[in-house]
Protein backbone atom coordinates (compact mmCIF):
# COMPACT_ATOMS: atom_id res chain seq x y z
CA MET A 1 -21.19 6.07 -0.88
CA HIS A 2 -18.53 8.41 0.17
CA GLU A 3 -15.96 6.79 -1.86
CA MET A 4 -17.23 8.69 -4.84
CA GLY A 5 -16.44 11.98 -3.09
CA ILE A 6 -12.91 10.72 -2.10
CA ALA A 7 -12.08 9.54 -5.57
CA MET A 8 -13.01 13.02 -7.00
CA GLN A 9 -10.72 14.69 -4.25
CA ILE A 10 -7.93 12.39 -5.17
CA VAL A 11 -8.36 13.21 -8.85
CA ASP A 12 -8.31 17.03 -7.94
CA ILE A 13 -5.16 16.45 -5.68
CA VAL A 14 -3.36 14.60 -8.49
CA ARG A 15 -4.20 17.43 -11.10
CA GLN A 16 -2.97 20.17 -8.80
CA ALA A 17 0.24 18.28 -8.12
CA ILE A 18 1.19 17.85 -11.63
CA PRO A 19 3.65 20.54 -12.69
CA PRO A 20 2.36 22.81 -15.59
CA GLN A 21 5.24 21.52 -17.96
CA MET A 22 4.12 18.02 -17.39
CA LYS A 23 0.31 18.44 -18.08
CA ASP A 24 0.41 16.38 -21.18
CA VAL A 25 2.28 13.42 -19.62
CA SER A 26 -0.13 10.75 -18.60
CA VAL A 27 -0.54 9.33 -15.04
CA GLU A 28 0.22 5.74 -14.94
CA ALA A 29 -0.54 5.23 -11.04
CA VAL A 30 -1.78 7.08 -8.07
CA ASN A 31 -0.47 5.44 -4.63
CA LEU A 32 -2.59 6.14 -1.58
CA LYS A 33 -2.02 5.42 2.00
CA LEU A 34 -5.37 4.52 3.63
CA GLY A 35 -5.71 3.86 7.45
CA LYS A 36 -8.17 1.34 8.76
CA LEU A 37 -10.18 3.82 10.70
CA THR A 38 -11.22 5.92 7.58
CA ALA A 39 -14.10 3.43 7.00
CA VAL A 40 -13.08 3.50 3.23
CA VAL A 41 -13.77 0.34 1.47
CA PRO A 42 -10.82 -0.13 -0.93
CA GLU A 43 -12.68 -1.92 -3.61
CA SER A 44 -15.35 0.63 -3.73
CA LEU A 45 -12.67 3.49 -3.87
CA ARG A 46 -10.92 1.70 -6.77
CA PHE A 47 -14.29 1.33 -8.64
CA CYS A 48 -15.22 5.13 -8.13
CA PHE A 49 -11.68 6.12 -9.14
CA THR A 50 -11.98 4.25 -12.44
CA VAL A 51 -15.46 6.02 -13.10
CA VAL A 52 -14.34 9.63 -12.11
CA THR A 53 -11.29 9.34 -14.43
CA LYS A 54 -12.99 8.10 -17.34
CA ASP A 55 -12.52 10.60 -20.36
CA THR A 56 -9.79 12.49 -18.32
CA SER A 57 -5.97 12.61 -18.38
CA LEU A 58 -5.97 10.07 -15.56
CA GLU A 59 -7.99 7.48 -17.35
CA GLY A 60 -6.26 4.18 -17.15
CA ALA A 61 -4.26 5.11 -14.21
CA LYS A 62 -4.17 2.42 -11.34
CA LEU A 63 -4.96 3.21 -7.76
CA HIS A 64 -2.73 1.32 -5.47
CA ILE A 65 -3.75 1.30 -1.91
CA GLU A 66 -1.54 0.59 1.02
CA GLU A 67 -3.81 -0.29 4.12
CA LEU A 68 -2.43 0.93 7.40
CA PRO A 69 -3.30 -0.64 10.61
CA ILE A 70 -4.57 1.05 13.74
CA VAL A 71 -1.59 1.56 16.10
CA VAL A 72 -2.09 2.94 19.40
CA GLN A 73 0.05 3.68 22.58
CA CYS A 74 -1.57 3.26 26.07
CA ARG A 75 -1.34 6.59 28.09
CA GLY A 76 -1.12 4.48 31.32
CA CYS A 77 1.84 2.13 30.48
CA GLY A 78 3.21 3.41 27.41
CA PHE A 79 2.74 -0.01 25.44
CA HIS A 80 2.40 0.28 21.71
CA SER A 81 0.13 -2.21 20.00
CA THR A 82 -1.89 -2.88 16.83
CA ILE A 83 -5.77 -2.93 17.25
CA ASP A 84 -7.47 -5.72 15.20
CA THR A 85 -10.84 -5.76 17.03
CA PRO A 86 -13.60 -3.15 17.60
CA GLU A 87 -12.36 -3.11 21.28
CA PHE A 88 -10.14 -0.26 21.97
CA LYS A 89 -7.94 -1.21 25.12
CA CYS A 90 -4.39 -1.61 25.72
CA ALA A 91 -3.08 -5.15 24.94
CA GLN A 92 -0.78 -5.12 27.91
CA CYS A 93 -2.57 -3.37 30.94
CA GLY A 94 -6.15 -3.53 29.62
CA GLY A 95 -6.51 0.34 30.00
CA PRO A 96 -8.91 2.17 27.74
CA ASP A 97 -6.94 5.55 27.65
CA LEU A 98 -5.05 5.17 24.30
CA ASP A 99 -3.55 7.54 21.67
CA ILE A 100 -4.04 6.71 18.05
CA LEU A 101 -0.52 6.77 16.26
CA SER A 102 -1.97 5.54 12.94
CA GLY A 103 -5.10 4.36 11.14
CA ARG A 104 -6.72 7.75 10.19
CA GLU A 105 -4.48 8.27 7.13
CA LEU A 106 -5.95 9.15 3.57
CA THR A 107 -3.07 10.42 1.75
CA VAL A 108 -1.80 10.53 -1.83
CA SER A 109 1.74 9.42 -1.27
CA THR A 110 3.15 9.51 -4.74
CA ILE A 111 1.97 9.92 -8.50
CA GLU A 112 3.72 7.68 -11.11
CA MET A 113 3.99 9.40 -14.48
CA ALA A 114 4.67 7.90 -17.82
CA GLU A 115 8.06 8.66 -19.37
CA GLU A 116 8.19 11.71 -21.71
CA THR A 117 8.83 10.83 -25.40
């Protein structure tokens, strides 16, 4: 299950992104952009995130996942389309020569912190 390793990396990224003066402020949510081609199962990643954040400053933080579609551009005709099937071909001309424009992302987009009191 590679989701456990990914969850651990997300925690590391979040910890490194928090400014030193905010180390005591709790994280409420981590927002992630996840492309369909990553082969990551969102439910498994959320479960693993909960496990790896237990007894840490991120415990209780929510992992919000925005799933991004596979978007391609045909090198032959220039047509942009979204791929929903395992068959990678241009929706317009049927050509197989495609550039992948999105769908491989795995990015922490934002971190939501609790308000300091």
